[in-house]
Amino acid sequence: MSEVLNANPTIRSAADLPSRRREPSKKAKSQRPFGLLSSAIPDSAYTPDPFNPSSSSESESSEDENEVEPIDEQEIYDLIASIQDPEHPLTLGSLSVVNLPDISLTPTLPPPSSSLSNQPTTSAPVMTTVTVLVTPTITHCSLATVIGLGVRVRLEQALPPRFRVDVRIKEGTHSTAEQVNRQLGDKERVAAALENGTLMGVLRKMLEGC
């Protein structure tokens, strides 16, 4: 990209960014990630090692595996703040393209089971919609759609399937926000865009530091 759209963006220090990074889990993850980029990762990368002692301990602790781990706005922010901006060698967090107050989680309760049924009741997982409002560095940024795709791909890659991802341009921050939001919200258009090799190369570079 020869022409820099915003040569002097406002940059936040890493020390000023809200963060609560969790320590890595001691249990090995054998489950493939769910998301738009899952097909690009080989199955072998997520197959448990039969010679690894942790593999047998995982099967013995199936109850712990089934526990739903709570995820909040801070954790969502930590997932996307380290995404690289496609134009500047800076993160979306340091450019204030993504901000903690612009992230919300909305739970959607599962439909109640019929009281007339004799079947035993099971606790269905609560679906949650993660909404992220993106703030481009300039109102005419031509890379707003690419940034939104990067945020969406990152979250769909990292979050369990009980989460629905909704990425939008924050109102009043971009001249064509309505058009960009329609593109980001259209699953078919997103899937078609991700088949573009050039775009996928840009997204992979953006997600290298995550």
N, C-alpha and C. Protein backbone atom coordinates (compact mmCIF):
# COMPACT_ATOMS: atom_id res chain seq x y z
N MET A 1 0.86 -1.18 0.00
CA MET A 1 0.00 0.00 0.00
C MET A 1 0.89 1.23 0.00
N SER A 2 1.03 1.89 -1.15
CA SER A 2 1.99 2.96 -1.31
C SER A 2 1.58 4.24 -0.59
N GLU A 3 0.30 4.54 -0.56
CA GLU A 3 -0.16 5.79 0.04
C GLU A 3 -0.69 5.54 1.44
N VAL A 4 -0.11 6.24 2.42
CA VAL A 4 -0.56 6.11 3.80
C VAL A 4 -1.77 6.99 4.02
N LEU A 5 -2.87 6.38 4.46
CA LEU A 5 -4.11 7.13 4.61
C LEU A 5 -4.07 8.10 5.77
N ASN A 6 -3.45 7.68 6.87
CA ASN A 6 -3.34 8.54 8.05
C ASN A 6 -1.90 8.49 8.54
N ALA A 7 -1.11 9.47 8.15
CA ALA A 7 0.32 9.45 8.44
C ALA A 7 0.63 9.72 9.91
N ASN A 8 -0.28 10.36 10.63
CA ASN A 8 -0.02 10.72 12.03
C ASN A 8 -1.18 10.29 12.94
N PRO A 9 -1.38 8.99 13.11
CA PRO A 9 -2.47 8.54 13.99
C PRO A 9 -2.13 8.76 15.46
N THR A 10 -3.15 8.88 16.27
CA THR A 10 -2.96 8.98 17.72
C THR A 10 -2.60 7.60 18.25
N ILE A 11 -1.51 7.52 19.02
CA ILE A 11 -1.01 6.23 19.49
C ILE A 11 -1.05 6.19 21.02
N ARG A 12 -1.63 5.12 21.56
CA ARG A 12 -1.67 4.91 23.01
C ARG A 12 -0.53 4.01 23.43
N SER A 13 0.07 4.31 24.56
CA SER A 13 1.13 3.47 25.10
C SER A 13 0.55 2.12 25.53
N ALA A 14 1.34 1.06 25.38
CA ALA A 14 0.89 -0.27 25.78
C ALA A 14 0.55 -0.31 27.27
N ALA A 15 1.25 0.50 28.07
CA ALA A 15 0.99 0.53 29.51
C ALA A 15 -0.37 1.13 29.83
N ASP A 16 -0.92 1.90 28.90
CA ASP A 16 -2.21 2.54 29.14
C ASP A 16 -3.40 1.69 28.69
N LEU A 17 -3.13 0.57 28.04
CA LEU A 17 -4.21 -0.27 27.53
C LEU A 17 -4.73 -1.19 28.63
N PRO A 18 -6.04 -1.32 28.75
CA PRO A 18 -6.59 -2.25 29.75
C PRO A 18 -6.26 -3.67 29.36
N SER A 19 -5.84 -4.49 30.31
CA SER A 19 -5.47 -5.86 29.99
C SER A 19 -5.62 -6.75 31.21
N ARG A 20 -6.00 -7.99 30.96
CA ARG A 20 -6.04 -9.00 32.01
C ARG A 20 -5.77 -10.35 31.34
N ARG A 21 -4.54 -10.51 30.93
CA ARG A 21 -4.15 -11.75 30.27
C ARG A 21 -4.17 -12.89 31.26
N ARG A 22 -4.86 -13.99 30.91
CA ARG A 22 -4.89 -15.16 31.77
C ARG A 22 -3.67 -16.02 31.51
N GLU A 23 -3.25 -16.74 32.55
CA GLU A 23 -2.15 -17.66 32.37
C GLU A 23 -2.60 -18.80 31.49
N PRO A 24 -1.71 -19.33 30.64
CA PRO A 24 -2.10 -20.43 29.77
C PRO A 24 -2.59 -21.63 30.55
N SER A 25 -3.60 -22.27 30.05
CA SER A 25 -4.17 -23.44 30.72
C SER A 25 -3.17 -24.58 30.72
N LYS A 26 -3.14 -25.34 31.79
CA LYS A 26 -2.23 -26.48 31.89
C LYS A 26 -2.75 -27.66 31.10
N LYS A 27 -4.05 -27.64 30.76
CA LYS A 27 -4.62 -28.76 30.02
C LYS A 27 -4.44 -28.53 28.54
N ALA A 28 -4.01 -29.57 27.82
CA ALA A 28 -3.85 -29.45 26.38
C ALA A 28 -5.19 -29.36 25.72
N LYS A 29 -5.31 -28.53 24.68
CA LYS A 29 -6.54 -28.37 23.94
C LYS A 29 -6.53 -29.29 22.73
N SER A 30 -7.43 -30.27 22.68
CA SER A 30 -7.47 -31.21 21.58
C SER A 30 -8.56 -30.86 20.58
N GLN A 31 -9.34 -29.83 20.86
CA GLN A 31 -10.46 -29.48 20.00
C GLN A 31 -10.04 -28.45 18.97
N ARG A 32 -10.46 -28.65 17.71
CA ARG A 32 -10.16 -27.69 16.67
C ARG A 32 -10.88 -26.38 16.96
N PRO A 33 -10.31 -25.24 16.57
CA PRO A 33 -11.00 -23.96 16.75
C PRO A 33 -12.16 -23.86 15.79
N PHE A 34 -13.19 -23.14 16.19
CA PHE A 34 -14.33 -22.90 15.33
C PHE A 34 -14.18 -21.53 14.73
N GLY A 35 -14.34 -21.39 13.43
CA GLY A 35 -14.24 -20.07 12.84
C GLY A 35 -13.96 -20.13 11.36
N LEU A 36 -13.83 -18.96 10.79
CA LEU A 36 -13.68 -18.85 9.35
C LEU A 36 -12.33 -19.33 8.86
N LEU A 37 -11.32 -19.38 9.75
CA LEU A 37 -9.99 -19.80 9.34
C LEU A 37 -9.66 -21.21 9.79
N SER A 38 -10.63 -21.93 10.38
CA SER A 38 -10.35 -23.25 10.93
C SER A 38 -9.90 -24.22 9.85
N SER A 39 -10.37 -24.06 8.61
CA SER A 39 -10.01 -24.97 7.54
C SER A 39 -8.55 -24.83 7.13
N ALA A 40 -7.91 -23.72 7.51
CA ALA A 40 -6.52 -23.49 7.13
C ALA A 40 -5.55 -24.16 8.08
N ILE A 41 -6.07 -24.76 9.18
CA ILE A 41 -5.22 -25.38 10.19
C ILE A 41 -5.37 -26.89 10.10
N PRO A 42 -4.28 -27.64 9.93
CA PRO A 42 -4.39 -29.09 9.76
C PRO A 42 -4.94 -29.78 11.00
N ASP A 43 -5.66 -30.89 10.76
CA ASP A 43 -6.24 -31.65 11.86
C ASP A 43 -5.18 -32.16 12.82
N SER A 44 -4.01 -32.53 12.29
CA SER A 44 -2.97 -33.11 13.13
C SER A 44 -2.53 -32.18 14.24
N ALA A 45 -2.71 -30.88 14.01
CA ALA A 45 -2.28 -29.91 15.02
C ALA A 45 -3.13 -29.97 16.27
N TYR A 46 -4.30 -30.59 16.18
CA TYR A 46 -5.23 -30.63 17.32
C TYR A 46 -5.52 -32.06 17.76
N THR A 47 -4.71 -33.03 17.31
CA THR A 47 -4.89 -34.41 17.72
C THR A 47 -4.09 -34.67 18.98
N PRO A 48 -4.71 -35.24 20.04
CA PRO A 48 -3.98 -35.49 21.27
C PRO A 48 -2.84 -36.48 21.06
N ASP A 49 -1.71 -36.24 21.70
CA ASP A 49 -0.57 -37.14 21.62
C ASP A 49 -0.81 -38.33 22.54
N PRO A 50 -0.87 -39.58 21.98
CA PRO A 50 -1.15 -40.73 22.84
C PRO A 50 -0.05 -41.00 23.84
N PHE A 51 1.17 -40.46 23.60
CA PHE A 51 2.28 -40.67 24.52
C PHE A 51 2.42 -39.55 25.52
N ASN A 52 1.51 -38.56 25.44
CA ASN A 52 1.54 -37.44 26.36
C ASN A 52 0.68 -37.78 27.57
N PRO A 53 1.24 -37.76 28.80
CA PRO A 53 0.46 -38.10 30.00
C PRO A 53 -0.79 -37.24 30.15
N SER A 54 -0.74 -36.02 29.62
CA SER A 54 -1.89 -35.13 29.78
C SER A 54 -3.10 -35.65 29.03
N SER A 55 -2.89 -36.47 27.96
CA SER A 55 -4.00 -36.99 27.18
C SER A 55 -4.88 -37.90 28.02
N SER A 56 -4.26 -38.77 28.82
CA SER A 56 -5.04 -39.67 29.64
C SER A 56 -5.71 -38.93 30.78
N SER A 57 -5.04 -37.92 31.32
CA SER A 57 -5.64 -37.17 32.42
C SER A 57 -6.84 -36.38 31.95
N GLU A 58 -6.83 -35.97 30.65
CA GLU A 58 -7.97 -35.23 30.13
C GLU A 58 -9.21 -36.10 30.11
N SER A 59 -9.07 -37.37 29.68
CA SER A 59 -10.23 -38.24 29.62
C SER A 59 -10.78 -38.56 30.99
N GLU A 60 -9.90 -38.50 31.99
CA GLU A 60 -10.34 -38.79 33.35
C GLU A 60 -11.05 -37.59 33.98
N SER A 61 -10.88 -36.42 33.40
CA SER A 61 -11.49 -35.21 33.98
C SER A 61 -12.49 -34.61 33.01
N SER A 62 -13.38 -35.44 32.48
CA SER A 62 -14.35 -34.98 31.48
C SER A 62 -15.33 -33.98 32.08
N GLU A 63 -15.60 -34.11 33.38
CA GLU A 63 -16.53 -33.18 34.01
C GLU A 63 -15.96 -31.77 33.99
N ASP A 64 -14.64 -31.64 34.24
CA ASP A 64 -14.02 -30.32 34.20
C ASP A 64 -14.04 -29.75 32.79
N GLU A 65 -13.91 -30.61 31.77
CA GLU A 65 -13.90 -30.15 30.39
C GLU A 65 -15.24 -29.56 29.99
N ASN A 66 -16.32 -30.10 30.57
CA ASN A 66 -17.66 -29.68 30.20
C ASN A 66 -18.10 -28.39 30.89
N GLU A 67 -17.30 -27.92 31.85
CA GLU A 67 -17.65 -26.70 32.54
C GLU A 67 -17.53 -25.51 31.59
N VAL A 68 -18.50 -24.61 31.65
CA VAL A 68 -18.49 -23.42 30.81
C VAL A 68 -17.67 -22.34 31.48
N GLU A 69 -16.59 -21.94 30.85
CA GLU A 69 -15.72 -20.91 31.42
C GLU A 69 -16.26 -19.53 31.06
N PRO A 70 -16.48 -18.68 32.05
CA PRO A 70 -17.03 -17.35 31.76
C PRO A 70 -16.04 -16.50 30.97
N ILE A 71 -16.57 -15.76 30.02
CA ILE A 71 -15.77 -14.84 29.21
C ILE A 71 -16.43 -13.47 29.28
N ASP A 72 -15.64 -12.44 29.57
CA ASP A 72 -16.20 -11.11 29.70
C ASP A 72 -15.60 -10.15 28.68
N GLU A 73 -16.00 -8.88 28.76
CA GLU A 73 -15.56 -7.88 27.80
C GLU A 73 -14.04 -7.69 27.80
N GLN A 74 -13.44 -7.78 28.98
CA GLN A 74 -11.98 -7.60 29.06
C GLN A 74 -11.25 -8.69 28.28
N GLU A 75 -11.74 -9.91 28.40
CA GLU A 75 -11.09 -11.01 27.69
C GLU A 75 -11.26 -10.87 26.18
N ILE A 76 -12.42 -10.39 25.76
CA ILE A 76 -12.63 -10.14 24.34
C ILE A 76 -11.64 -9.07 23.85
N TYR A 77 -11.49 -8.02 24.65
CA TYR A 77 -10.55 -6.95 24.30
C TYR A 77 -9.13 -7.49 24.18
N ASP A 78 -8.74 -8.33 25.12
CA ASP A 78 -7.39 -8.90 25.08
C ASP A 78 -7.17 -9.72 23.82
N LEU A 79 -8.22 -10.34 23.30
CA LEU A 79 -8.10 -11.15 22.09
C LEU A 79 -7.86 -10.30 20.84
N ILE A 80 -8.44 -9.11 20.79
CA ILE A 80 -8.40 -8.32 19.56
C ILE A 80 -7.48 -7.10 19.62
N ALA A 81 -7.08 -6.69 20.82
CA ALA A 81 -6.24 -5.49 20.94
C ALA A 81 -4.87 -5.67 20.30
N SER A 82 -4.40 -6.91 20.22
CA SER A 82 -3.06 -7.18 19.67
C SER A 82 -3.07 -7.39 18.16
N ILE A 83 -4.23 -7.28 17.50
CA ILE A 83 -4.29 -7.39 16.05
C ILE A 83 -3.51 -6.22 15.43
N GLN A 84 -2.70 -6.52 14.43
CA GLN A 84 -1.91 -5.48 13.77
C GLN A 84 -2.79 -4.68 12.80
N ASP A 85 -2.60 -3.38 12.80
CA ASP A 85 -3.29 -2.54 11.83
C ASP A 85 -2.74 -2.84 10.44
N PRO A 86 -3.59 -2.93 9.40
CA PRO A 86 -3.10 -3.27 8.05
C PRO A 86 -2.26 -2.17 7.41
N GLU A 87 -2.29 -0.96 7.97
CA GLU A 87 -1.55 0.15 7.37
C GLU A 87 -0.33 0.54 8.17
N HIS A 88 -0.46 0.57 9.51
CA HIS A 88 0.63 1.00 10.39
C HIS A 88 1.21 -0.21 11.13
N PRO A 89 2.47 -0.17 11.51
CA PRO A 89 3.07 -1.25 12.31
C PRO A 89 2.69 -1.13 13.78
N LEU A 90 1.41 -0.98 14.03
CA LEU A 90 0.88 -0.78 15.38
C LEU A 90 -0.35 -1.67 15.56
N THR A 91 -0.75 -1.86 16.80
CA THR A 91 -1.91 -2.71 17.08
C THR A 91 -3.19 -1.89 17.08
N LEU A 92 -4.31 -2.59 16.92
CA LEU A 92 -5.61 -1.91 16.95
C LEU A 92 -5.88 -1.31 18.33
N GLY A 93 -5.33 -1.92 19.37
CA GLY A 93 -5.49 -1.37 20.71
C GLY A 93 -4.74 -0.06 20.88
N SER A 94 -3.50 -0.01 20.41
CA SER A 94 -2.70 1.20 20.58
C SER A 94 -3.22 2.36 19.73
N LEU A 95 -3.93 2.04 18.64
CA LEU A 95 -4.51 3.08 17.79
C LEU A 95 -5.93 3.45 18.23
N SER A 96 -6.43 2.81 19.28
CA SER A 96 -7.80 3.03 19.76
C SER A 96 -8.84 2.70 18.69
N VAL A 97 -8.49 1.79 17.80
CA VAL A 97 -9.47 1.30 16.82
C VAL A 97 -10.47 0.37 17.52
N VAL A 98 -9.98 -0.38 18.50
CA VAL A 98 -10.86 -1.16 19.37
C VAL A 98 -10.68 -0.65 20.79
N ASN A 99 -11.79 -0.53 21.51
CA ASN A 99 -11.78 0.02 22.86
C ASN A 99 -12.69 -0.80 23.76
N LEU A 100 -12.26 -0.96 25.00
CA LEU A 100 -13.02 -1.77 25.95
C LEU A 100 -14.47 -1.33 26.12
N PRO A 101 -14.77 -0.02 26.23
CA PRO A 101 -16.17 0.40 26.39
C PRO A 101 -17.04 0.09 25.17
N ASP A 102 -16.43 -0.21 24.02
CA ASP A 102 -17.18 -0.48 22.80
C ASP A 102 -17.39 -1.97 22.57
N ILE A 103 -17.20 -2.76 23.61
CA ILE A 103 -17.42 -4.21 23.53
C ILE A 103 -18.54 -4.58 24.49
N SER A 104 -19.50 -5.35 23.99
CA SER A 104 -20.61 -5.77 24.84
C SER A 104 -20.94 -7.24 24.58
N LEU A 105 -21.42 -7.91 25.63
CA LEU A 105 -21.84 -9.30 25.53
C LEU A 105 -23.31 -9.39 25.91
N THR A 106 -24.11 -9.95 25.02
CA THR A 106 -25.55 -10.06 25.26
C THR A 106 -25.95 -11.52 25.27
N PRO A 107 -26.34 -12.06 26.43
CA PRO A 107 -26.74 -13.47 26.48
C PRO A 107 -28.12 -13.69 25.87
N THR A 108 -28.28 -14.81 25.22
CA THR A 108 -29.56 -15.21 24.66
C THR A 108 -29.96 -16.53 25.30
N LEU A 109 -31.01 -16.52 26.10
CA LEU A 109 -31.42 -17.71 26.82
C LEU A 109 -31.97 -18.76 25.86
N PRO A 110 -31.68 -20.05 26.09
CA PRO A 110 -32.25 -21.10 25.25
C PRO A 110 -33.75 -21.21 25.46
N PRO A 111 -34.52 -21.73 24.50
CA PRO A 111 -35.96 -21.86 24.66
C PRO A 111 -36.29 -22.80 25.81
N PRO A 112 -37.29 -22.46 26.64
CA PRO A 112 -37.64 -23.32 27.78
C PRO A 112 -38.19 -24.64 27.30
N SER A 113 -37.86 -25.71 28.03
CA SER A 113 -38.37 -27.03 27.68
C SER A 113 -39.83 -27.16 28.11
N SER A 114 -40.58 -27.95 27.37
CA SER A 114 -42.00 -28.12 27.65
C SER A 114 -42.21 -28.88 28.95
N SER A 115 -43.11 -28.38 29.78
CA SER A 115 -43.38 -29.03 31.06
C SER A 115 -44.16 -30.32 30.88
N LEU A 116 -44.77 -30.51 29.69
CA LEU A 116 -45.56 -31.71 29.43
C LEU A 116 -44.68 -32.88 29.00
N SER A 117 -43.44 -32.60 28.66
CA SER A 117 -42.57 -33.66 28.18
C SER A 117 -42.06 -34.49 29.34
N ASN A 118 -41.97 -35.82 29.10
CA ASN A 118 -41.46 -36.72 30.11
C ASN A 118 -39.96 -36.91 29.99
N GLN A 119 -39.37 -36.25 28.98
CA GLN A 119 -37.94 -36.39 28.78
C GLN A 119 -37.19 -35.63 29.87
N PRO A 120 -36.04 -36.17 30.31
CA PRO A 120 -35.26 -35.45 31.32
C PRO A 120 -34.74 -34.13 30.76
N THR A 121 -34.75 -33.12 31.59
CA THR A 121 -34.31 -31.79 31.15
C THR A 121 -32.78 -31.71 31.17
N THR A 122 -32.23 -31.10 30.16
CA THR A 122 -30.79 -30.90 30.10
C THR A 122 -30.53 -29.40 30.01
N SER A 123 -29.44 -28.98 30.60
CA SER A 123 -29.12 -27.55 30.61
C SER A 123 -28.41 -27.18 29.32
N ALA A 124 -29.11 -26.53 28.42
CA ALA A 124 -28.52 -26.08 27.16
C ALA A 124 -27.64 -24.87 27.42
N PRO A 125 -26.50 -24.78 26.72
CA PRO A 125 -25.62 -23.63 26.94
C PRO A 125 -26.28 -22.33 26.48
N VAL A 126 -26.03 -21.29 27.22
CA VAL A 126 -26.57 -19.98 26.88
C VAL A 126 -25.76 -19.40 25.73
N MET A 127 -26.43 -19.02 24.64
CA MET A 127 -25.75 -18.38 23.52
C MET A 127 -25.48 -16.92 23.87
N THR A 128 -24.37 -16.41 23.42
CA THR A 128 -23.99 -15.04 23.72
C THR A 128 -23.55 -14.33 22.44
N THR A 129 -24.06 -13.12 22.23
CA THR A 129 -23.64 -12.30 21.10
C THR A 129 -22.57 -11.32 21.56
N VAL A 130 -21.42 -11.38 20.92
CA VAL A 130 -20.33 -10.45 21.20
C VAL A 130 -20.39 -9.33 20.17
N THR A 131 -20.62 -8.11 20.62
CA THR A 131 -20.68 -6.96 19.72
C THR A 131 -19.44 -6.09 19.92
N VAL A 132 -18.73 -5.85 18.83
CA VAL A 132 -17.53 -5.00 18.87
C VAL A 132 -17.74 -3.83 17.92
N LEU A 133 -17.62 -2.62 18.44
CA LEU A 133 -17.71 -1.41 17.62
C LEU A 133 -16.30 -0.94 17.30
N VAL A 134 -16.01 -0.86 16.01
CA VAL A 134 -14.67 -0.49 15.54
C VAL A 134 -14.64 1.00 15.20
N THR A 135 -13.58 1.68 15.63
CA THR A 135 -13.41 3.11 15.36
C THR A 135 -12.23 3.32 14.42
N PRO A 136 -12.45 3.53 13.13
CA PRO A 136 -11.33 3.79 12.21
C PRO A 136 -10.58 5.05 12.62
N THR A 137 -9.31 5.13 12.24
CA THR A 137 -8.49 6.28 12.63
C THR A 137 -8.89 7.55 11.88
N ILE A 138 -9.50 7.39 10.69
CA ILE A 138 -9.99 8.54 9.92
C ILE A 138 -11.36 8.16 9.34
N THR A 139 -12.18 9.17 9.09
CA THR A 139 -13.56 8.91 8.68
C THR A 139 -13.68 8.36 7.26
N HIS A 140 -12.63 8.50 6.45
CA HIS A 140 -12.69 7.99 5.08
C HIS A 140 -11.73 6.82 4.87
N CYS A 141 -11.43 6.09 5.94
CA CYS A 141 -10.49 4.97 5.87
C CYS A 141 -11.01 3.89 4.92
N SER A 142 -10.24 3.58 3.89
CA SER A 142 -10.66 2.56 2.92
C SER A 142 -10.40 1.14 3.41
N LEU A 143 -9.72 1.01 4.56
CA LEU A 143 -9.40 -0.30 5.11
C LEU A 143 -10.33 -0.70 6.25
N ALA A 144 -11.42 0.04 6.43
CA ALA A 144 -12.34 -0.24 7.54
C ALA A 144 -12.92 -1.65 7.44
N THR A 145 -13.27 -2.07 6.23
CA THR A 145 -13.83 -3.41 6.05
C THR A 145 -12.80 -4.49 6.38
N VAL A 146 -11.55 -4.27 5.96
CA VAL A 146 -10.48 -5.23 6.25
C VAL A 146 -10.24 -5.34 7.75
N ILE A 147 -10.25 -4.21 8.44
CA ILE A 147 -10.07 -4.22 9.90
C ILE A 147 -11.21 -4.97 10.57
N GLY A 148 -12.44 -4.69 10.14
CA GLY A 148 -13.59 -5.40 10.70
C GLY A 148 -13.52 -6.89 10.46
N LEU A 149 -13.07 -7.28 9.28
CA LEU A 149 -12.91 -8.72 8.99
C LEU A 149 -11.85 -9.34 9.89
N GLY A 150 -10.77 -8.61 10.12
CA GLY A 150 -9.72 -9.12 10.99
C GLY A 150 -10.22 -9.38 12.40
N VAL A 151 -11.02 -8.44 12.93
CA VAL A 151 -11.59 -8.61 14.26
C VAL A 151 -12.55 -9.79 14.29
N ARG A 152 -13.38 -9.89 13.27
CA ARG A 152 -14.36 -10.99 13.22
C ARG A 152 -13.67 -12.35 13.12
N VAL A 153 -12.67 -12.46 12.25
CA VAL A 153 -11.95 -13.72 12.09
C VAL A 153 -11.24 -14.11 13.38
N ARG A 154 -10.62 -13.14 14.03
CA ARG A 154 -9.90 -13.42 15.28
C ARG A 154 -10.84 -13.98 16.34
N LEU A 155 -12.01 -13.37 16.49
CA LEU A 155 -12.94 -13.82 17.53
C LEU A 155 -13.57 -15.16 17.17
N GLU A 156 -13.92 -15.36 15.91
CA GLU A 156 -14.52 -16.64 15.52
C GLU A 156 -13.50 -17.77 15.63
N GLN A 157 -12.24 -17.43 15.49
CA GLN A 157 -11.17 -18.40 15.66
C GLN A 157 -11.00 -18.79 17.13
N ALA A 158 -11.11 -17.82 18.02
CA ALA A 158 -10.72 -18.01 19.42
C ALA A 158 -11.87 -18.42 20.34
N LEU A 159 -13.10 -18.00 20.02
CA LEU A 159 -14.21 -18.23 20.94
C LEU A 159 -14.92 -19.56 20.68
N PRO A 160 -15.53 -20.14 21.71
CA PRO A 160 -16.32 -21.35 21.54
C PRO A 160 -17.53 -21.10 20.65
N PRO A 161 -18.14 -22.15 20.10
CA PRO A 161 -19.26 -21.97 19.17
C PRO A 161 -20.52 -21.40 19.82
N ARG A 162 -20.55 -21.29 21.15
CA ARG A 162 -21.73 -20.71 21.80
C ARG A 162 -21.74 -19.18 21.70
N PHE A 163 -20.71 -18.62 21.04
CA PHE A 163 -20.63 -17.17 20.86
C PHE A 163 -20.93 -16.79 19.41
N ARG A 164 -21.74 -15.78 19.25
CA ARG A 164 -22.01 -15.20 17.92
C ARG A 164 -21.31 -13.86 17.85
N VAL A 165 -20.58 -13.62 16.78
CA VAL A 165 -19.75 -12.41 16.66
C VAL A 165 -20.45 -11.39 15.77
N ASP A 166 -20.55 -10.17 16.27
CA ASP A 166 -21.15 -9.06 15.53
C ASP A 166 -20.19 -7.88 15.56
N VAL A 167 -19.53 -7.61 14.44
CA VAL A 167 -18.56 -6.52 14.35
C VAL A 167 -19.15 -5.42 13.49
N ARG A 168 -19.12 -4.20 14.01
CA ARG A 168 -19.67 -3.05 13.30
C ARG A 168 -18.74 -1.85 13.40
N ILE A 169 -18.92 -0.91 12.48
CA ILE A 169 -18.22 0.38 12.58
C ILE A 169 -19.04 1.27 13.52
N LYS A 170 -18.35 1.91 14.45
CA LYS A 170 -19.05 2.75 15.43
C LYS A 170 -19.72 3.93 14.73
N GLU A 171 -20.93 4.22 15.16
CA GLU A 171 -21.72 5.28 14.54
C GLU A 171 -20.99 6.62 14.61
N GLY A 172 -20.97 7.32 13.47
CA GLY A 172 -20.37 8.64 13.42
C GLY A 172 -18.87 8.67 13.24
N THR A 173 -18.23 7.48 13.04
CA THR A 173 -16.77 7.45 12.93
C THR A 173 -16.29 7.18 11.51
N HIS A 174 -17.22 6.91 10.58
CA HIS A 174 -16.81 6.62 9.21
C HIS A 174 -17.88 7.10 8.24
N SER A 175 -17.44 7.61 7.10
CA SER A 175 -18.37 8.21 6.14
C SER A 175 -19.27 7.18 5.46
N THR A 176 -18.83 5.93 5.36
CA THR A 176 -19.64 4.88 4.73
C THR A 176 -19.88 3.73 5.70
N ALA A 177 -20.12 4.06 6.97
CA ALA A 177 -20.28 3.03 8.00
C ALA A 177 -21.43 2.08 7.69
N GLU A 178 -22.54 2.60 7.18
CA GLU A 178 -23.69 1.75 6.90
C GLU A 178 -23.35 0.68 5.86
N GLN A 179 -22.65 1.09 4.82
CA GLN A 179 -22.26 0.15 3.77
C GLN A 179 -21.29 -0.90 4.30
N VAL A 180 -20.30 -0.46 5.07
CA VAL A 180 -19.31 -1.38 5.64
C VAL A 180 -19.99 -2.37 6.58
N ASN A 181 -20.93 -1.89 7.40
CA ASN A 181 -21.63 -2.76 8.34
C ASN A 181 -22.45 -3.83 7.62
N ARG A 182 -23.03 -3.46 6.48
CA ARG A 182 -23.78 -4.46 5.70
C ARG A 182 -22.84 -5.55 5.19
N GLN A 183 -21.65 -5.15 4.77
CA GLN A 183 -20.68 -6.13 4.29
C GLN A 183 -20.22 -7.05 5.42
N LEU A 184 -19.94 -6.47 6.58
CA LEU A 184 -19.45 -7.27 7.71
C LEU A 184 -20.52 -8.20 8.27
N GLY A 185 -21.80 -7.82 8.11
CA GLY A 185 -22.89 -8.62 8.66
C GLY A 185 -23.43 -9.66 7.71
N ASP A 186 -22.97 -9.67 6.46
CA ASP A 186 -23.44 -10.62 5.45
C ASP A 186 -22.49 -11.82 5.41
N LYS A 187 -22.94 -12.97 5.92
CA LYS A 187 -22.08 -14.15 6.02
C LYS A 187 -21.59 -14.61 4.65
N GLU A 188 -22.47 -14.55 3.65
CA GLU A 188 -22.08 -15.00 2.32
C GLU A 188 -21.00 -14.09 1.72
N ARG A 189 -21.14 -12.79 1.92
CA ARG A 189 -20.14 -11.87 1.40
C ARG A 189 -18.82 -11.99 2.14
N VAL A 190 -18.90 -12.26 3.45
CA VAL A 190 -17.68 -12.46 4.22
C VAL A 190 -16.96 -13.72 3.74
N ALA A 191 -17.72 -14.81 3.56
CA ALA A 191 -17.13 -16.06 3.10
C ALA A 191 -16.49 -15.89 1.73
N ALA A 192 -17.16 -15.15 0.84
CA ALA A 192 -16.61 -14.91 -0.50
C ALA A 192 -15.34 -14.08 -0.43
N ALA A 193 -15.33 -13.09 0.46
CA ALA A 193 -14.15 -12.23 0.60
C ALA A 193 -12.95 -13.02 1.10
N LEU A 194 -13.20 -14.00 1.98
CA LEU A 194 -12.11 -14.77 2.56
C LEU A 194 -11.54 -15.80 1.59
N GLU A 195 -12.16 -15.94 0.43
CA GLU A 195 -11.61 -16.81 -0.61
C GLU A 195 -10.58 -16.05 -1.46
N ASN A 196 -10.47 -14.77 -1.24
CA ASN A 196 -9.50 -13.95 -1.98
C ASN A 196 -8.12 -14.14 -1.36
N GLY A 197 -7.18 -14.64 -2.15
CA GLY A 197 -5.85 -14.95 -1.63
C GLY A 197 -5.11 -13.73 -1.11
N THR A 198 -5.24 -12.61 -1.81
CA THR A 198 -4.56 -11.39 -1.37
C THR A 198 -5.08 -10.91 -0.02
N LEU A 199 -6.41 -10.93 0.13
CA LEU A 199 -7.02 -10.51 1.39
C LEU A 199 -6.62 -11.44 2.52
N MET A 200 -6.59 -12.76 2.25
CA MET A 200 -6.21 -13.71 3.29
C MET A 200 -4.77 -13.47 3.74
N GLY A 201 -3.90 -13.07 2.80
CA GLY A 201 -2.53 -12.76 3.18
C GLY A 201 -2.45 -11.57 4.11
N VAL A 202 -3.28 -10.55 3.85
CA VAL A 202 -3.34 -9.37 4.71
C VAL A 202 -3.84 -9.76 6.10
N LEU A 203 -4.89 -10.58 6.15
CA LEU A 203 -5.47 -10.98 7.44
C LEU A 203 -4.49 -11.82 8.25
N ARG A 204 -3.78 -12.73 7.60
CA ARG A 204 -2.80 -13.55 8.32
C ARG A 204 -1.71 -12.67 8.93
N LYS A 205 -1.27 -11.66 8.19
CA LYS A 205 -0.26 -10.75 8.72
C LYS A 205 -0.80 -9.96 9.90
N MET A 206 -2.07 -9.54 9.82
CA MET A 206 -2.67 -8.81 10.93
C MET A 206 -2.76 -9.66 12.19
N LEU A 207 -2.95 -10.97 12.03
CA LEU A 207 -3.16 -11.85 13.18
C LEU A 207 -1.88 -12.52 13.66
N GLU A 208 -0.74 -12.19 13.06
CA GLU A 208 0.52 -12.84 13.43
C GLU A 208 0.86 -12.64 14.90
N GLY A 209 0.56 -11.49 15.45
CA GLY A 209 0.94 -11.21 16.84
C GLY A 209 -0.07 -11.66 17.87
N CYS A 210 -1.14 -12.30 17.44
CA CYS A 210 -2.21 -12.71 18.38
C CYS A 210 -1.89 -14.07 19.00
